Amino acid sequence: MCEFKIIKKNDGKQIFEDIVVLSYTEDNQLLFRDVIGMGDTLESALILDVNTLNQTCTVFEHELIQPFIALMKKFASGGIAKTDIETFQMKLEELKKKV
């Protein structure tokens, strides 16, 4: 069984180890479960790379990832509304002001 070390791309630090399950929750949070079933989440993160040779998984965390995943799920299901896109655009505009 592969047990992964989770590396955060943002700063290069290892944040979890002995992870055997990676998935997204209903709230689009990235869920990690270790070999004994204990779990932890990152609120707004994306899996960038999974390497079974060195048993690492690299993730990237950013405030826009969670709402983006939610938007894409609505788009894929055909349940997207104009207001969903406008809400995401507002988040982008807020970020733009910070830059």
N, C-alpha and C. Protein backbone atom coordinates (compact mmCIF):
# COMPACT_ATOMS: atom_id res chain seq x y z
N MET A 1 0.85 -1.17 0.00
CA MET A 1 0.00 0.00 0.00
C MET A 1 0.90 1.24 0.00
N CYS A 2 0.54 2.21 -0.84
CA CYS A 2 1.28 3.48 -0.89
C CYS A 2 0.78 4.41 0.20
N GLU A 3 1.69 4.92 0.97
CA GLU A 3 1.38 5.91 2.00
C GLU A 3 2.14 7.18 1.62
N PHE A 4 1.40 8.23 1.40
CA PHE A 4 1.98 9.45 0.85
C PHE A 4 2.34 10.49 1.91
N LYS A 5 3.41 11.20 1.61
CA LYS A 5 3.75 12.43 2.33
C LYS A 5 3.13 13.54 1.50
N ILE A 6 2.46 14.46 2.17
CA ILE A 6 1.81 15.56 1.47
C ILE A 6 2.68 16.80 1.62
N ILE A 7 3.07 17.36 0.48
CA ILE A 7 3.92 18.53 0.43
C ILE A 7 3.11 19.71 -0.08
N LYS A 8 3.20 20.81 0.62
CA LYS A 8 2.49 22.03 0.23
C LYS A 8 3.39 22.84 -0.70
N LYS A 9 2.97 22.99 -1.95
CA LYS A 9 3.75 23.69 -2.97
C LYS A 9 4.02 25.15 -2.57
N ASN A 10 3.08 25.77 -1.87
CA ASN A 10 3.20 27.17 -1.49
C ASN A 10 4.51 27.47 -0.76
N ASP A 11 4.91 26.56 0.15
CA ASP A 11 6.13 26.81 0.92
C ASP A 11 7.09 25.62 0.94
N GLY A 12 6.72 24.53 0.28
CA GLY A 12 7.60 23.36 0.20
C GLY A 12 7.62 22.49 1.45
N LYS A 13 6.78 22.79 2.43
CA LYS A 13 6.78 22.04 3.69
C LYS A 13 5.91 20.79 3.59
N GLN A 14 6.32 19.76 4.31
CA GLN A 14 5.50 18.57 4.44
C GLN A 14 4.43 18.86 5.49
N ILE A 15 3.17 18.61 5.14
CA ILE A 15 2.09 18.94 6.08
C ILE A 15 1.40 17.70 6.65
N PHE A 16 1.48 16.57 5.93
CA PHE A 16 0.90 15.32 6.42
C PHE A 16 1.80 14.16 5.98
N GLU A 17 1.63 13.01 6.64
CA GLU A 17 2.34 11.81 6.21
C GLU A 17 1.47 10.59 6.46
N ASP A 18 1.86 9.49 5.86
CA ASP A 18 1.12 8.22 5.96
C ASP A 18 -0.31 8.34 5.45
N ILE A 19 -0.51 9.15 4.41
CA ILE A 19 -1.83 9.37 3.84
C ILE A 19 -2.12 8.29 2.79
N VAL A 20 -3.30 7.67 2.90
CA VAL A 20 -3.69 6.64 1.95
C VAL A 20 -4.93 7.02 1.14
N VAL A 21 -5.68 8.02 1.59
CA VAL A 21 -6.87 8.47 0.89
C VAL A 21 -6.81 9.98 0.69
N LEU A 22 -7.01 10.41 -0.56
CA LEU A 22 -7.12 11.83 -0.90
C LEU A 22 -8.41 11.99 -1.68
N SER A 23 -9.28 12.88 -1.25
CA SER A 23 -10.54 13.10 -1.95
C SER A 23 -11.07 14.47 -1.58
N TYR A 24 -12.15 14.85 -2.25
CA TYR A 24 -12.79 16.12 -1.94
C TYR A 24 -14.10 15.86 -1.21
N THR A 25 -14.38 16.70 -0.22
CA THR A 25 -15.64 16.60 0.52
C THR A 25 -16.76 17.23 -0.30
N GLU A 26 -17.97 17.12 0.20
CA GLU A 26 -19.12 17.76 -0.45
C GLU A 26 -18.95 19.28 -0.50
N ASP A 27 -18.18 19.83 0.45
CA ASP A 27 -17.93 21.27 0.51
C ASP A 27 -16.68 21.67 -0.29
N ASN A 28 -16.16 20.73 -1.10
CA ASN A 28 -15.00 20.97 -1.96
C ASN A 28 -13.72 21.25 -1.19
N GLN A 29 -13.63 20.67 0.00
CA GLN A 29 -12.39 20.74 0.76
C GLN A 29 -11.58 19.49 0.45
N LEU A 30 -10.26 19.62 0.40
CA LEU A 30 -9.41 18.48 0.11
C LEU A 30 -9.22 17.67 1.40
N LEU A 31 -9.64 16.41 1.35
CA LEU A 31 -9.63 15.53 2.52
C LEU A 31 -8.47 14.55 2.44
N PHE A 32 -7.80 14.36 3.57
CA PHE A 32 -6.69 13.41 3.69
C PHE A 32 -7.02 12.45 4.81
N ARG A 33 -6.82 11.13 4.57
CA ARG A 33 -6.99 10.13 5.62
C ARG A 33 -5.72 9.29 5.71
N ASP A 34 -5.29 9.06 6.94
CA ASP A 34 -4.07 8.27 7.13
C ASP A 34 -4.41 6.79 7.27
N VAL A 35 -3.40 5.99 7.56
CA VAL A 35 -3.55 4.53 7.61
C VAL A 35 -4.50 4.05 8.70
N ILE A 36 -4.72 4.83 9.74
CA ILE A 36 -5.65 4.42 10.79
C ILE A 36 -7.02 5.09 10.63
N GLY A 37 -7.20 5.80 9.53
CA GLY A 37 -8.50 6.40 9.24
C GLY A 37 -8.71 7.81 9.75
N MET A 38 -7.69 8.36 10.41
CA MET A 38 -7.81 9.73 10.90
C MET A 38 -7.74 10.68 9.71
N GLY A 39 -8.52 11.76 9.77
CA GLY A 39 -8.57 12.66 8.65
C GLY A 39 -8.27 14.11 9.00
N ASP A 40 -7.91 14.83 7.97
CA ASP A 40 -7.70 16.26 8.07
C ASP A 40 -8.05 16.85 6.71
N THR A 41 -8.31 18.15 6.66
CA THR A 41 -8.69 18.78 5.40
C THR A 41 -7.91 20.08 5.19
N LEU A 42 -7.82 20.45 3.93
CA LEU A 42 -7.40 21.79 3.55
C LEU A 42 -8.63 22.42 2.91
N GLU A 43 -8.97 23.61 3.35
CA GLU A 43 -10.22 24.23 2.92
C GLU A 43 -10.27 24.52 1.43
N SER A 44 -9.17 24.97 0.87
CA SER A 44 -9.19 25.41 -0.51
C SER A 44 -7.86 25.05 -1.18
N ALA A 45 -7.77 23.79 -1.62
CA ALA A 45 -6.50 23.29 -2.15
C ALA A 45 -6.74 22.38 -3.35
N LEU A 46 -5.69 22.24 -4.13
CA LEU A 46 -5.73 21.45 -5.37
C LEU A 46 -4.55 20.49 -5.38
N ILE A 47 -4.78 19.26 -5.83
CA ILE A 47 -3.70 18.29 -5.99
C ILE A 47 -2.96 18.62 -7.27
N LEU A 48 -1.65 18.86 -7.17
CA LEU A 48 -0.84 19.19 -8.34
C LEU A 48 -0.11 17.97 -8.89
N ASP A 49 0.37 17.11 -8.01
CA ASP A 49 1.22 16.00 -8.46
C ASP A 49 1.10 14.84 -7.48
N VAL A 50 0.98 13.64 -8.02
CA VAL A 50 1.02 12.43 -7.21
C VAL A 50 2.13 11.56 -7.77
N ASN A 51 3.12 11.22 -6.93
CA ASN A 51 4.27 10.45 -7.37
C ASN A 51 4.36 9.18 -6.53
N THR A 52 4.03 8.04 -7.14
CA THR A 52 4.07 6.78 -6.38
C THR A 52 5.50 6.27 -6.18
N LEU A 53 6.44 6.74 -7.02
CA LEU A 53 7.83 6.29 -6.85
C LEU A 53 8.44 6.80 -5.56
N ASN A 54 8.24 8.09 -5.26
CA ASN A 54 8.79 8.62 -4.01
C ASN A 54 7.70 8.84 -2.95
N GLN A 55 6.49 8.38 -3.26
CA GLN A 55 5.35 8.43 -2.35
C GLN A 55 5.08 9.83 -1.80
N THR A 56 5.01 10.78 -2.73
CA THR A 56 4.67 12.15 -2.36
C THR A 56 3.47 12.63 -3.16
N CYS A 57 2.76 13.54 -2.58
CA CYS A 57 1.67 14.22 -3.24
C CYS A 57 1.87 15.71 -2.97
N THR A 58 1.89 16.50 -4.02
CA THR A 58 2.08 17.94 -3.88
C THR A 58 0.73 18.63 -4.06
N VAL A 59 0.41 19.53 -3.14
CA VAL A 59 -0.85 20.27 -3.20
C VAL A 59 -0.56 21.77 -3.21
N PHE A 60 -1.49 22.51 -3.75
CA PHE A 60 -1.39 23.97 -3.77
C PHE A 60 -2.62 24.53 -3.10
N GLU A 61 -2.41 25.45 -2.19
CA GLU A 61 -3.52 26.03 -1.43
C GLU A 61 -3.70 27.49 -1.81
N HIS A 62 -4.95 27.86 -2.11
CA HIS A 62 -5.28 29.25 -2.44
C HIS A 62 -6.78 29.45 -2.22
N GLU A 63 -7.15 30.64 -1.80
CA GLU A 63 -8.55 30.93 -1.46
C GLU A 63 -9.51 30.78 -2.64
N LEU A 64 -9.04 30.84 -3.87
CA LEU A 64 -9.93 30.73 -5.03
C LEU A 64 -10.21 29.30 -5.47
N ILE A 65 -9.46 28.34 -4.97
CA ILE A 65 -9.60 26.97 -5.46
C ILE A 65 -10.95 26.37 -5.07
N GLN A 66 -11.35 26.49 -3.83
CA GLN A 66 -12.62 25.92 -3.39
C GLN A 66 -13.81 26.48 -4.18
N PRO A 67 -13.93 27.81 -4.31
CA PRO A 67 -15.06 28.31 -5.10
C PRO A 67 -14.96 27.95 -6.59
N PHE A 68 -13.74 27.81 -7.11
CA PHE A 68 -13.57 27.41 -8.50
C PHE A 68 -14.06 25.98 -8.72
N ILE A 69 -13.70 25.07 -7.81
CA ILE A 69 -14.16 23.69 -7.93
C ILE A 69 -15.69 23.63 -7.86
N ALA A 70 -16.27 24.39 -6.94
CA ALA A 70 -17.73 24.43 -6.84
C ALA A 70 -18.36 24.93 -8.14
N LEU A 71 -17.77 25.96 -8.72
CA LEU A 71 -18.26 26.51 -9.98
C LEU A 71 -18.19 25.47 -11.10
N MET A 72 -17.07 24.76 -11.19
CA MET A 72 -16.90 23.75 -12.24
C MET A 72 -17.85 22.57 -12.06
N LYS A 73 -18.13 22.20 -10.82
CA LYS A 73 -19.10 21.12 -10.58
C LYS A 73 -20.49 21.53 -11.05
N LYS A 74 -20.86 22.78 -10.78
CA LYS A 74 -22.16 23.27 -11.25
C LYS A 74 -22.20 23.31 -12.77
N PHE A 75 -21.11 23.72 -13.37
CA PHE A 75 -21.03 23.78 -14.82
C PHE A 75 -21.17 22.38 -15.42
N ALA A 76 -20.47 21.41 -14.85
CA ALA A 76 -20.49 20.04 -15.36
C ALA A 76 -21.87 19.40 -15.22
N SER A 77 -22.57 19.76 -14.17
CA SER A 77 -23.90 19.16 -13.93
C SER A 77 -25.00 19.88 -14.70
N GLY A 78 -24.66 21.00 -15.32
CA GLY A 78 -25.67 21.77 -16.05
C GLY A 78 -26.50 22.66 -15.15
N GLY A 79 -26.10 22.77 -13.88
CA GLY A 79 -26.87 23.55 -12.93
C GLY A 79 -26.29 24.92 -12.65
N ILE A 80 -25.46 25.42 -13.55
CA ILE A 80 -24.82 26.71 -13.32
C ILE A 80 -25.76 27.85 -13.69
N ALA A 81 -25.68 28.92 -12.92
CA ALA A 81 -26.48 30.12 -13.18
C ALA A 81 -25.55 31.30 -13.39
N LYS A 82 -26.07 32.31 -14.01
CA LYS A 82 -25.29 33.52 -14.26
C LYS A 82 -24.76 34.10 -12.94
N THR A 83 -25.55 34.02 -11.90
CA THR A 83 -25.13 34.56 -10.60
C THR A 83 -23.94 33.80 -10.02
N ASP A 84 -23.83 32.49 -10.32
CA ASP A 84 -22.68 31.72 -9.86
C ASP A 84 -21.39 32.28 -10.46
N ILE A 85 -21.44 32.58 -11.75
CA ILE A 85 -20.27 33.14 -12.43
C ILE A 85 -19.97 34.54 -11.90
N GLU A 86 -21.00 35.33 -11.70
CA GLU A 86 -20.81 36.69 -11.19
C GLU A 86 -20.20 36.68 -9.78
N THR A 87 -20.61 35.73 -8.95
CA THR A 87 -20.06 35.62 -7.60
C THR A 87 -18.57 35.29 -7.67
N PHE A 88 -18.20 34.37 -8.57
CA PHE A 88 -16.79 34.04 -8.73
C PHE A 88 -16.01 35.23 -9.28
N GLN A 89 -16.60 35.95 -10.21
CA GLN A 89 -15.95 37.15 -10.75
C GLN A 89 -15.69 38.17 -9.66
N MET A 90 -16.61 38.31 -8.72
CA MET A 90 -16.43 39.25 -7.61
C MET A 90 -15.22 38.84 -6.76
N LYS A 91 -15.05 37.54 -6.54
CA LYS A 91 -13.89 37.06 -5.79
C LYS A 91 -12.60 37.39 -6.53
N LEU A 92 -12.62 37.25 -7.85
CA LEU A 92 -11.45 37.61 -8.66
C LEU A 92 -11.16 39.11 -8.56
N GLU A 93 -12.19 39.91 -8.60
CA GLU A 93 -12.02 41.37 -8.50
C GLU A 93 -11.45 41.77 -7.15
N GLU A 94 -11.91 41.10 -6.08
CA GLU A 94 -11.36 41.37 -4.74
C GLU A 94 -9.87 41.04 -4.70
N LEU A 95 -9.51 39.92 -5.30
CA LEU A 95 -8.10 39.53 -5.34
C LEU A 95 -7.30 40.51 -6.18
N LYS A 96 -7.86 40.96 -7.26
CA LYS A 96 -7.20 41.93 -8.14
C LYS A 96 -6.86 43.22 -7.40
N LYS A 97 -7.75 43.63 -6.51
CA LYS A 97 -7.52 44.86 -5.73
C LYS A 97 -6.35 44.70 -4.75
N LYS A 98 -6.11 43.47 -4.31
CA LYS A 98 -5.02 43.21 -3.38
C LYS A 98 -3.66 43.20 -4.05
N VAL A 99 -3.64 43.00 -5.36
CA VAL A 99 -2.38 42.88 -6.09
C VAL A 99 -1.77 44.25 -6.35
